[in-house]
Amino acid sequence: MDLLEKMNAAVTYIEDNLDDEINYAEVAKIACFSEHHFKRMFSFIAGISLTEYVRRRRLTLAAFDLKERDVRVLDVAVKYGYHSADSFSRAFQALHNVTPSSARNSNVPLKAYPRMTFQIAIKGDVEMNYRFVEKEAFTIVGKKETIASNETEFHPEMWEDLEAIEEKVKPYDNTSFSGILHVSLPKENGNIDYYIATVTTKTCPEEFEQLDIPSHTWAVFTAMGEMPEALLTTWERVYTEWFPTSGYELAEAPEFVKGRESKTEIWVPVKKKS
């Protein structure tokens, strides 16, 4: 099953459970990704977050129910996952610009967001700089922060003190794989362990955390240009252009960013499609 089929199978599960609780871990499993990677992939390809897609679809179906059926607003609210009529009414009005009660009138305009189907158009008119690296196991030490899953924003608190943290980490940089790494390790619960670290053979001090990374294959992409725009654009192209045509898929291993300023490398763990 290729990437498009996996993503569309995941959407089918979502659509079948819009009037029930959606298990996002199960959605990601259907797509053969971690929850973190699936939400990221969805956002890059769809242009909106997964939760926003679900919200729009539920409120679209809610409008149909109110228009076509003799049901209470509260019953529709509960059906589509809202805990009160007030919270449902606020969400409904934000999307449709009318209240749920007035939606019953035949002349009231409503919005409909159809089911999404993934069809990726590969342009191929702009080159992507990448290489494969089969790297032996290595150890990093540095500052760690566990970040709650959030589809729309990734902003670790450590970034507020970024330069100071990097200066504290630098003395442990003692291997040929030199430089500061920004490492992201998705967890089963959807959260992310994020490290500002360096590769080292030194003993990890008490103020730092250690992570042993096993040998693996990474696809390494070069982002060149003004940051962070160039970095974000490269991430998007990795997911929407490179993966669909590469014969590779994401592997369960840390991903990291290496380098600064106008030339930065994105290291993505990959494996051949089975």
C-alpha atoms as a PDB file:
ATOM      1  CA  MET A   1       0.000   0.000   0.000  1.00  0.00           C
ATOM      2  CA  ASP A   2       1.566   3.329  -1.035  1.00  0.00           C
ATOM      3  CA  LEU A   3       1.443   6.653   0.769  1.00  0.00           C
ATOM      4  CA  LEU A   4      -1.743   7.895  -0.915  1.00  0.00           C
ATOM      5  CA  GLU A   5      -3.607   4.680  -0.144  1.00  0.00           C
ATOM      6  CA  LYS A   6      -2.501   4.788   3.490  1.00  0.00           C
ATOM      7  CA  MET A   7      -3.555   8.398   3.921  1.00  0.00           C
ATOM      8  CA  ASN A   8      -6.922   7.795   2.278  1.00  0.00           C
ATOM      9  CA  ALA A   9      -7.490   4.695   4.428  1.00  0.00           C
ATOM     10  CA  ALA A  10      -6.842   6.825   7.496  1.00  0.00           C
ATOM     11  CA  VAL A  11      -9.346   9.412   6.252  1.00  0.00           C
ATOM     12  CA  THR A  12     -11.914   6.633   5.787  1.00  0.00           C
ATOM     13  CA  TYR A  13     -11.491   5.658   9.446  1.00  0.00           C
ATOM     14  CA  ILE A  14     -11.938   9.304  10.470  1.00  0.00           C
ATOM     15  CA  GLU A  15     -15.070   9.669   8.355  1.00  0.00           C
ATOM     16  CA  ASP A  16     -16.552   6.480   9.796  1.00  0.00           C
ATOM     17  CA  ASN A  17     -16.071   7.837  13.323  1.00  0.00           C
ATOM     18  CA  LEU A  18     -17.069  11.487  13.030  1.00  0.00           C
ATOM     19  CA  ASP A  19     -20.076  10.818  15.254  1.00  0.00           C
ATOM     20  CA  ASP A  20     -17.973   8.855  17.737  1.00  0.00           C
ATOM     21  CA  GLU A  21     -14.673   9.247  19.546  1.00  0.00           C
ATOM     22  CA  ILE A  22     -11.737   9.230  17.141  1.00  0.00           C
ATOM     23  CA  ASN A  23      -8.703   7.268  18.268  1.00  0.00           C
ATOM     24  CA  TYR A  24      -5.857   9.248  16.707  1.00  0.00           C
ATOM     25  CA  ALA A  25      -3.335   6.559  17.588  1.00  0.00           C
ATOM     26  CA  GLU A  26      -5.421   4.127  15.522  1.00  0.00           C
ATOM     27  CA  VAL A  27      -5.624   6.632  12.664  1.00  0.00           C
ATOM     28  CA  ALA A  28      -1.841   6.894  12.627  1.00  0.00           C
ATOM     29  CA  LYS A  29      -1.495   3.111  12.796  1.00  0.00           C
ATOM     30  CA  ILE A  30      -3.675   2.721   9.692  1.00  0.00           C
ATOM     31  CA  ALA A  31      -1.389   5.154   7.876  1.00  0.00           C
ATOM     32  CA  CYS A  32       1.687   3.283   9.194  1.00  0.00           C
ATOM     33  CA  PHE A  33       3.101   6.321  10.986  1.00  0.00           C
ATOM     34  CA  SER A  34       3.605   7.429  14.538  1.00  0.00           C
ATOM     35  CA  GLU A  35       0.873   9.786  15.705  1.00  0.00           C
ATOM     36  CA  HIS A  36       3.309  12.698  15.570  1.00  0.00           C
ATOM     37  CA  HIS A  37       4.448  11.932  12.021  1.00  0.00           C
ATOM     38  CA  PHE A  38       0.907  11.320  10.768  1.00  0.00           C
ATOM     39  CA  LYS A  39      -0.385  14.645  12.073  1.00  0.00           C
ATOM     40  CA  ARG A  40       2.614  16.354  10.542  1.00  0.00           C
ATOM     41  CA  MET A  41       2.188  14.590   7.207  1.00  0.00           C
ATOM     42  CA  PHE A  42      -1.524  15.410   7.170  1.00  0.00           C
ATOM     43  CA  SER A  43      -0.923  19.096   7.840  1.00  0.00           C
ATOM     44  CA  PHE A  44       1.742  19.405   5.151  1.00  0.00           C
ATOM     45  CA  ILE A  45      -0.320  17.649   2.483  1.00  0.00           C
ATOM     46  CA  ALA A  46      -3.779  18.931   3.410  1.00  0.00           C
ATOM     47  CA  GLY A  47      -2.811  22.483   4.283  1.00  0.00           C
ATOM     48  CA  ILE A  48      -4.807  22.356   7.543  1.00  0.00           C
ATOM     49  CA  SER A  49      -4.302  20.487  10.796  1.00  0.00           C
ATOM     50  CA  LEU A  50      -5.965  17.149  11.434  1.00  0.00           C
ATOM     51  CA  THR A  51      -8.055  18.503  14.311  1.00  0.00           C
ATOM     52  CA  GLU A  52      -9.250  21.397  12.158  1.00  0.00           C
ATOM     53  CA  TYR A  53     -10.288  18.968   9.413  1.00  0.00           C
ATOM     54  CA  VAL A  54     -12.249  16.883  11.920  1.00  0.00           C
ATOM     55  CA  ARG A  55     -13.871  20.008  13.350  1.00  0.00           C
ATOM     56  CA  ARG A  56     -14.986  21.227   9.923  1.00  0.00           C
ATOM     57  CA  ARG A  57     -16.346  17.836   8.899  1.00  0.00           C
ATOM     58  CA  ARG A  58     -18.301  17.366  12.129  1.00  0.00           C
ATOM     59  CA  LEU A  59     -19.855  20.813  11.897  1.00  0.00           C
ATOM     60  CA  THR A  60     -20.698  20.179   8.240  1.00  0.00           C
ATOM     61  CA  LEU A  61     -22.581  16.998   9.171  1.00  0.00           C
ATOM     62  CA  ALA A  62     -24.167  18.747  12.134  1.00  0.00           C
ATOM     63  CA  ALA A  63     -25.632  21.361   9.768  1.00  0.00           C
ATOM     64  CA  PHE A  64     -27.116  18.593   7.612  1.00  0.00           C
ATOM     65  CA  ASP A  65     -28.675  16.966  10.679  1.00  0.00           C
ATOM     66  CA  LEU A  66     -30.249  20.221  11.822  1.00  0.00           C
ATOM     67  CA  LYS A  67     -31.536  20.975   8.337  1.00  0.00           C
ATOM     68  CA  GLU A  68     -32.953  17.564   7.515  1.00  0.00           C
ATOM     69  CA  ARG A  69     -33.997  16.068  10.845  1.00  0.00           C
ATOM     70  CA  ASP A  70     -36.260  17.058  13.722  1.00  0.00           C
ATOM     71  CA  VAL A  71     -33.617  16.839  16.471  1.00  0.00           C
ATOM     72  CA  ARG A  72     -32.632  18.942  19.451  1.00  0.00           C
ATOM     73  CA  VAL A  73     -29.533  21.106  19.207  1.00  0.00           C
ATOM     74  CA  LEU A  74     -28.150  19.411  22.336  1.00  0.00           C
ATOM     75  CA  ASP A  75     -28.529  15.954  20.774  1.00  0.00           C
ATOM     76  CA  VAL A  76     -26.603  17.065  17.688  1.00  0.00           C
ATOM     77  CA  ALA A  77     -23.954  18.668  19.896  1.00  0.00           C
ATOM     78  CA  VAL A  78     -23.402  15.463  21.861  1.00  0.00           C
ATOM     79  CA  LYS A  79     -23.396  13.361  18.702  1.00  0.00           C
ATOM     80  CA  TYR A  80     -20.449  15.298  17.311  1.00  0.00           C
ATOM     81  CA  GLY A  81     -18.385  15.419  20.472  1.00  0.00           C
ATOM     82  CA  TYR A  82     -19.431  18.658  22.166  1.00  0.00           C
ATOM     83  CA  HIS A  83     -20.090  18.566  25.902  1.00  0.00           C
ATOM     84  CA  SER A  84     -22.644  21.353  25.959  1.00  0.00           C
ATOM     85  CA  ALA A  85     -25.068  23.126  23.679  1.00  0.00           C
ATOM     86  CA  ASP A  86     -23.237  26.408  24.339  1.00  0.00           C
ATOM     87  CA  SER A  87     -19.821  25.156  23.204  1.00  0.00           C
ATOM     88  CA  PHE A  88     -21.425  23.581  20.147  1.00  0.00           C
ATOM     89  CA  SER A  89     -23.297  26.793  19.330  1.00  0.00           C
ATOM     90  CA  ARG A  90     -20.106  28.854  19.518  1.00  0.00           C
ATOM     91  CA  ALA A  91     -18.229  26.462  17.242  1.00  0.00           C
ATOM     92  CA  PHE A  92     -21.167  26.197  14.836  1.00  0.00           C
ATOM     93  CA  GLN A  93     -21.565  29.938  14.562  1.00  0.00           C
ATOM     94  CA  ALA A  94     -17.820  30.454  14.085  1.00  0.00           C
ATOM     95  CA  LEU A  95     -17.911  28.174  11.045  1.00  0.00           C
ATOM     96  CA  HIS A  96     -21.334  28.845   9.525  1.00  0.00           C
ATOM     97  CA  ASN A  97     -21.912  32.431  10.711  1.00  0.00           C
ATOM     98  CA  VAL A  98     -25.384  31.467  11.947  1.00  0.00           C
ATOM     99  CA  THR A  99     -26.704  29.839  15.104  1.00  0.00           C
ATOM    100  CA  PRO A 100     -27.669  26.140  15.110  1.00  0.00           C
ATOM    101  CA  SER A 101     -31.347  27.050  15.636  1.00  0.00           C
ATOM    102  CA  SER A 102     -31.475  29.397  12.657  1.00  0.00           C
ATOM    103  CA  ALA A 103     -29.805  26.746  10.491  1.00  0.00           C
ATOM    104  CA  ARG A 104     -33.174  24.988  10.317  1.00  0.00           C
ATOM    105  CA  ASN A 105     -34.542  27.754   8.071  1.00  0.00           C
ATOM    106  CA  SER A 106     -34.444  26.796   4.418  1.00  0.00           C
ATOM    107  CA  ASN A 107     -33.119  30.166   3.206  1.00  0.00           C
ATOM    108  CA  VAL A 108     -30.129  30.325   5.580  1.00  0.00           C
ATOM    109  CA  PRO A 109     -26.763  29.842   3.796  1.00  0.00           C
ATOM    110  CA  LEU A 110     -24.474  27.232   5.348  1.00  0.00           C
ATOM    111  CA  LYS A 111     -20.951  26.007   4.628  1.00  0.00           C
ATOM    112  CA  ALA A 112     -20.064  22.463   3.642  1.00  0.00           C
ATOM    113  CA  TYR A 113     -16.561  21.006   3.811  1.00  0.00           C
ATOM    114  CA  PRO A 114     -16.477  17.767   1.812  1.00  0.00           C
ATOM    115  CA  ARG A 115     -14.533  14.664   2.670  1.00  0.00           C
ATOM    116  CA  MET A 116     -10.887  14.996   1.804  1.00  0.00           C
ATOM    117  CA  THR A 117      -9.194  12.720  -0.727  1.00  0.00           C
ATOM    118  CA  PHE A 118      -5.445  12.787  -1.142  1.00  0.00           C
ATOM    119  CA  GLN A 119      -4.145  13.197  -4.660  1.00  0.00           C
ATOM    120  CA  ILE A 120      -0.588  14.492  -4.690  1.00  0.00           C
ATOM    121  CA  ALA A 121       0.583  16.340  -7.775  1.00  0.00           C
ATOM    122  CA  ILE A 122       4.339  15.961  -8.143  1.00  0.00           C
ATOM    123  CA  LYS A 123       5.760  18.994  -9.935  1.00  0.00           C
ATOM    124  CA  GLY A 124       9.414  18.003 -10.069  1.00  0.00           C
ATOM    125  CA  ASP A 125      10.439  21.378 -11.432  1.00  0.00           C
ATOM    126  CA  VAL A 126      12.606  22.375  -8.469  1.00  0.00           C
ATOM    127  CA  GLU A 127      15.531  20.200  -7.434  1.00  0.00           C
ATOM    128  CA  MET A 128      15.876  18.766  -3.930  1.00  0.00           C
ATOM    129  CA  ASN A 129      19.341  18.304  -2.473  1.00  0.00           C
ATOM    130  CA  TYR A 130      19.583  15.091  -0.467  1.00  0.00           C
ATOM    131  CA  ARG A 131      21.786  12.114   0.276  1.00  0.00           C
ATOM    132  CA  PHE A 132      21.535   8.860   2.235  1.00  0.00           C
ATOM    133  CA  VAL A 133      23.687   8.318   5.297  1.00  0.00           C
ATOM    134  CA  GLU A 134      24.029   4.954   7.014  1.00  0.00           C
ATOM    135  CA  LYS A 135      25.312   5.986  10.406  1.00  0.00           C
ATOM    136  CA  GLU A 136      26.635   3.819  13.205  1.00  0.00           C
ATOM    137  CA  ALA A 137      25.170   4.094  16.696  1.00  0.00           C
ATOM    138  CA  PHE A 138      26.047   7.277  18.572  1.00  0.00           C
ATOM    139  CA  THR A 139      25.252   9.033  21.838  1.00  0.00           C
ATOM    140  CA  ILE A 140      24.068  12.584  22.374  1.00  0.00           C
ATOM    141  CA  VAL A 141      24.005  14.637  25.558  1.00  0.00           C
ATOM    142  CA  GLY A 142      22.229  17.926  26.085  1.00  0.00           C
ATOM    143  CA  LYS A 143      19.159  19.665  27.435  1.00  0.00           C
ATOM    144  CA  LYS A 144      15.843  17.892  27.007  1.00  0.00           C
ATOM    145  CA  GLU A 145      12.260  19.137  26.988  1.00  0.00           C
ATOM    146  CA  THR A 146       9.123  17.024  26.589  1.00  0.00           C
ATOM    147  CA  ILE A 147       6.626  18.894  24.439  1.00  0.00           C
ATOM    148  CA  ALA A 148       2.910  18.138  24.414  1.00  0.00           C
ATOM    149  CA  SER A 149       1.501  17.146  21.046  1.00  0.00           C
ATOM    150  CA  ASN A 150       0.334  20.185  19.101  1.00  0.00           C
ATOM    151  CA  GLU A 151      -0.380  20.108  15.387  1.00  0.00           C
ATOM    152  CA  THR A 152      -0.253  23.819  14.766  1.00  0.00           C
ATOM    153  CA  GLU A 153       2.742  24.968  16.790  1.00  0.00           C
ATOM    154  CA  PHE A 154       6.152  23.692  17.826  1.00  0.00           C
ATOM    155  CA  HIS A 155       7.824  26.172  20.127  1.00  0.00           C
ATOM    156  CA  PRO A 156       9.910  24.645  22.936  1.00  0.00           C
ATOM    157  CA  GLU A 157      10.518  26.798  25.989  1.00  0.00           C
ATOM    158  CA  MET A 158      14.248  26.117  25.559  1.00  0.00           C
ATOM    159  CA  TRP A 159      14.261  28.348  22.502  1.00  0.00           C
ATOM    160  CA  GLU A 160      13.935  31.332  24.828  1.00  0.00           C
ATOM    161  CA  ASP A 161      17.461  30.553  26.079  1.00  0.00           C
ATOM    162  CA  LEU A 162      18.803  28.904  22.937  1.00  0.00           C
ATOM    163  CA  GLU A 163      22.245  30.488  22.654  1.00  0.00           C
ATOM    164  CA  ALA A 164      23.077  29.915  26.332  1.00  0.00           C
ATOM    165  CA  ILE A 165      22.072  26.248  26.103  1.00  0.00           C
ATOM    166  CA  GLU A 166      24.131  25.712  22.966  1.00  0.00           C
ATOM    167  CA  GLU A 167      27.179  27.254  24.656  1.00  0.00           C
ATOM    168  CA  LYS A 168      26.791  24.855  27.604  1.00  0.00           C
ATOM    169  CA  VAL A 169      26.530  21.880  25.245  1.00  0.00           C
ATOM    170  CA  LYS A 170      29.503  22.737  22.987  1.00  0.00           C
ATOM    171  CA  PRO A 171      32.285  21.516  25.375  1.00  0.00           C
ATOM    172  CA  TYR A 172      30.942  17.954  24.980  1.00  0.00           C
ATOM    173  CA  ASP A 173      31.291  18.035  21.189  1.00  0.00           C
ATOM    174  CA  ASN A 174      34.272  15.674  20.752  1.00  0.00           C
ATOM    175  CA  THR A 175      33.551  13.451  17.741  1.00  0.00           C
ATOM    176  CA  SER A 176      33.943  13.777  13.984  1.00  0.00           C
ATOM    177  CA  PHE A 177      30.158  14.259  13.770  1.00  0.00           C
ATOM    178  CA  SER A 178      30.480  17.737  15.197  1.00  0.00           C
ATOM    179  CA  GLY A 179      27.971  20.484  15.715  1.00  0.00           C
ATOM    180  CA  ILE A 180      24.791  21.206  17.627  1.00  0.00           C
ATOM    181  CA  LEU A 181      21.849  18.902  16.931  1.00  0.00           C
ATOM    182  CA  HIS A 182      18.181  19.657  17.467  1.00  0.00           C
ATOM    183  CA  VAL A 183      16.733  16.187  17.968  1.00  0.00           C
ATOM    184  CA  SER A 184      13.049  15.227  18.019  1.00  0.00           C
ATOM    185  CA  LEU A 185      11.947  11.819  19.278  1.00  0.00           C
ATOM    186  CA  PRO A 186       8.175  11.165  19.021  1.00  0.00           C
ATOM    187  CA  LYS A 187       6.655   9.178  21.896  1.00  0.00           C
ATOM    188  CA  GLU A 188       3.761   6.721  21.821  1.00  0.00           C
ATOM    189  CA  ASN A 189       1.414   9.209  23.497  1.00  0.00           C
ATOM    190  CA  GLY A 190       2.014  11.754  20.741  1.00  0.00           C
ATOM    191  CA  ASN A 191       4.340  13.976  22.771  1.00  0.00           C
ATOM    192  CA  ILE A 192       7.879  14.773  21.624  1.00  0.00           C
ATOM    193  CA  ASP A 193      11.163  14.521  23.509  1.00  0.00           C
ATOM    194  CA  TYR A 194      13.188  17.419  22.144  1.00  0.00           C
ATOM    195  CA  TYR A 195      16.931  17.770  22.699  1.00  0.00           C
ATOM    196  CA  ILE A 196      19.448  20.528  22.086  1.00  0.00           C
ATOM    197  CA  ALA A 197      22.533  18.355  22.152  1.00  0.00           C
ATOM    198  CA  THR A 198      25.778  17.216  20.610  1.00  0.00           C
ATOM    199  CA  VAL A 199      27.360  13.849  19.821  1.00  0.00           C
ATOM    200  CA  THR A 200      29.891  12.860  22.449  1.00  0.00           C
ATOM    201  CA  THR A 201      31.890  10.091  24.097  1.00  0.00           C
ATOM    202  CA  LYS A 202      32.095  11.972  27.398  1.00  0.00           C
ATOM    203  CA  THR A 203      30.137  11.080  30.516  1.00  0.00           C
ATOM    204  CA  CYS A 204      26.786  12.828  30.704  1.00  0.00           C
ATOM    205  CA  PRO A 205      26.730  15.476  33.467  1.00  0.00           C
ATOM    206  CA  GLU A 206      23.829  15.776  35.904  1.00  0.00           C
ATOM    207  CA  GLU A 207      22.446  18.895  34.245  1.00  0.00           C
ATOM    208  CA  PHE A 208      22.044  17.128  30.874  1.00  0.00           C
ATOM    209  CA  GLU A 209      20.154  14.150  29.485  1.00  0.00           C
ATOM    210  CA  GLN A 210      21.677  11.340  27.437  1.00  0.00           C
ATOM    211  CA  LEU A 211      20.118   9.597  24.429  1.00  0.00           C
ATOM    212  CA  ASP A 212      21.650   6.553  22.728  1.00  0.00           C
ATOM    213  CA  ILE A 213      20.714   6.471  19.057  1.00  0.00           C
ATOM    214  CA  PRO A 214      21.138   3.087  17.315  1.00  0.00           C
ATOM    215  CA  SER A 215      22.624   2.639  13.862  1.00  0.00           C
ATOM    216  CA  HIS A 216      20.188   3.660  11.165  1.00  0.00           C
ATOM    217  CA  THR A 217      19.705   5.071   7.684  1.00  0.00           C
ATOM    218  CA  TRP A 218      18.820   8.741   7.314  1.00  0.00           C
ATOM    219  CA  ALA A 219      17.813  10.740   4.278  1.00  0.00           C
ATOM    220  CA  VAL A 220      19.608  14.063   4.629  1.00  0.00           C
ATOM    221  CA  PHE A 221      18.142  17.167   2.994  1.00  0.00           C
ATOM    222  CA  THR A 222      19.849  20.518   2.629  1.00  0.00           C
ATOM    223  CA  ALA A 223      17.807  23.636   3.306  1.00  0.00           C
ATOM    224  CA  MET A 224      19.430  26.755   1.891  1.00  0.00           C
ATOM    225  CA  GLY A 225      18.209  30.311   2.199  1.00  0.00           C
ATOM    226  CA  GLU A 226      16.633  32.566   4.785  1.00  0.00           C
ATOM    227  CA  MET A 227      15.696  30.773   7.985  1.00  0.00           C
ATOM    228  CA  PRO A 228      13.264  29.631   9.231  1.00  0.00           C
ATOM    229  CA  GLU A 229      11.373  29.917   5.922  1.00  0.00           C
ATOM    230  CA  ALA A 230      13.827  27.712   3.997  1.00  0.00           C
ATOM    231  CA  LEU A 231      13.701  25.066   6.718  1.00  0.00           C
ATOM    232  CA  LEU A 232       9.902  24.958   6.798  1.00  0.00           C
ATOM    233  CA  THR A 233       9.686  24.836   3.000  1.00  0.00           C
ATOM    234  CA  THR A 234      12.154  21.940   2.864  1.00  0.00           C
ATOM    235  CA  TRP A 235      10.222  20.004   5.530  1.00  0.00           C
ATOM    236  CA  GLU A 236       7.038  20.427   3.503  1.00  0.00           C
ATOM    237  CA  ARG A 237       8.681  19.258   0.281  1.00  0.00           C
ATOM    238  CA  VAL A 238      10.139  16.198   2.033  1.00  0.00           C
ATOM    239  CA  TYR A 239       6.637  15.071   2.980  1.00  0.00           C
ATOM    240  CA  THR A 240       4.671  16.130  -0.069  1.00  0.00           C
ATOM    241  CA  GLU A 241       7.171  15.551  -2.898  1.00  0.00           C
ATOM    242  CA  TRP A 242      10.055  13.321  -1.859  1.00  0.00           C
ATOM    243  CA  PHE A 243       8.362  10.571   0.152  1.00  0.00           C
ATOM    244  CA  PRO A 244       5.552   9.860  -2.365  1.00  0.00           C
ATOM    245  CA  THR A 245       8.047   9.109  -5.145  1.00  0.00           C
ATOM    246  CA  SER A 246      11.140   7.859  -3.315  1.00  0.00           C
ATOM    247  CA  GLY A 247      10.270   4.239  -2.511  1.00  0.00           C
ATOM    248  CA  TYR A 248      11.081   5.013   1.128  1.00  0.00           C
ATOM    249  CA  GLU A 249       8.956   5.609   4.189  1.00  0.00           C
ATOM    250  CA  LEU A 250       9.479   7.079   7.635  1.00  0.00           C
ATOM    251  CA  ALA A 251      11.148   4.862  10.205  1.00  0.00           C
ATOM    252  CA  GLU A 252      10.713   4.908  13.977  1.00  0.00           C
ATOM    253  CA  ALA A 253      13.858   6.753  15.024  1.00  0.00           C
ATOM    254  CA  PRO A 254      14.825  10.298  16.009  1.00  0.00           C
ATOM    255  CA  GLU A 255      14.919  13.018  13.405  1.00  0.00           C
ATOM    256  CA  PHE A 256      17.164  16.007  13.794  1.00  0.00           C
ATOM    257  CA  VAL A 257      18.294  19.301  12.368  1.00  0.00           C
ATOM    258  CA  LYS A 258      22.018  20.027  12.069  1.00  0.00           C
ATOM    259  CA  GLY A 259      23.639  23.321  11.164  1.00  0.00           C
ATOM    260  CA  ARG A 260      22.672  26.959  11.375  1.00  0.00           C
ATOM    261  CA  GLU A 261      22.163  30.102   9.348  1.00  0.00           C
ATOM    262  CA  SER A 262      21.954  29.800   5.549  1.00  0.00           C
ATOM    263  CA  LYS A 263      22.767  26.076   5.255  1.00  0.00           C
ATOM    264  CA  THR A 264      20.967  23.584   7.449  1.00  0.00           C
ATOM    265  CA  GLU A 265      20.563  19.811   7.174  1.00  0.00           C
ATOM    266  CA  ILE A 266      17.411  17.889   7.996  1.00  0.00           C
ATOM    267  CA  TRP A 267      18.064  14.251   8.942  1.00  0.00           C
ATOM    268  CA  VAL A 268      14.976  12.073   8.480  1.00  0.00           C
ATOM    269  CA  PRO A 269      15.007   8.368   9.504  1.00  0.00           C
ATOM    270  CA  VAL A 270      13.884   6.207   6.583  1.00  0.00           C
ATOM    271  CA  LYS A 271      13.482   2.612   5.484  1.00  0.00           C
ATOM    272  CA  LYS A 272      12.656   0.964   2.183  1.00  0.00           C
ATOM    273  CA  LYS A 273       8.991   0.290   1.621  1.00  0.00           C
ATOM    274  CA  SER A 274       8.148  -3.325   2.269  1.00  0.00           C
END
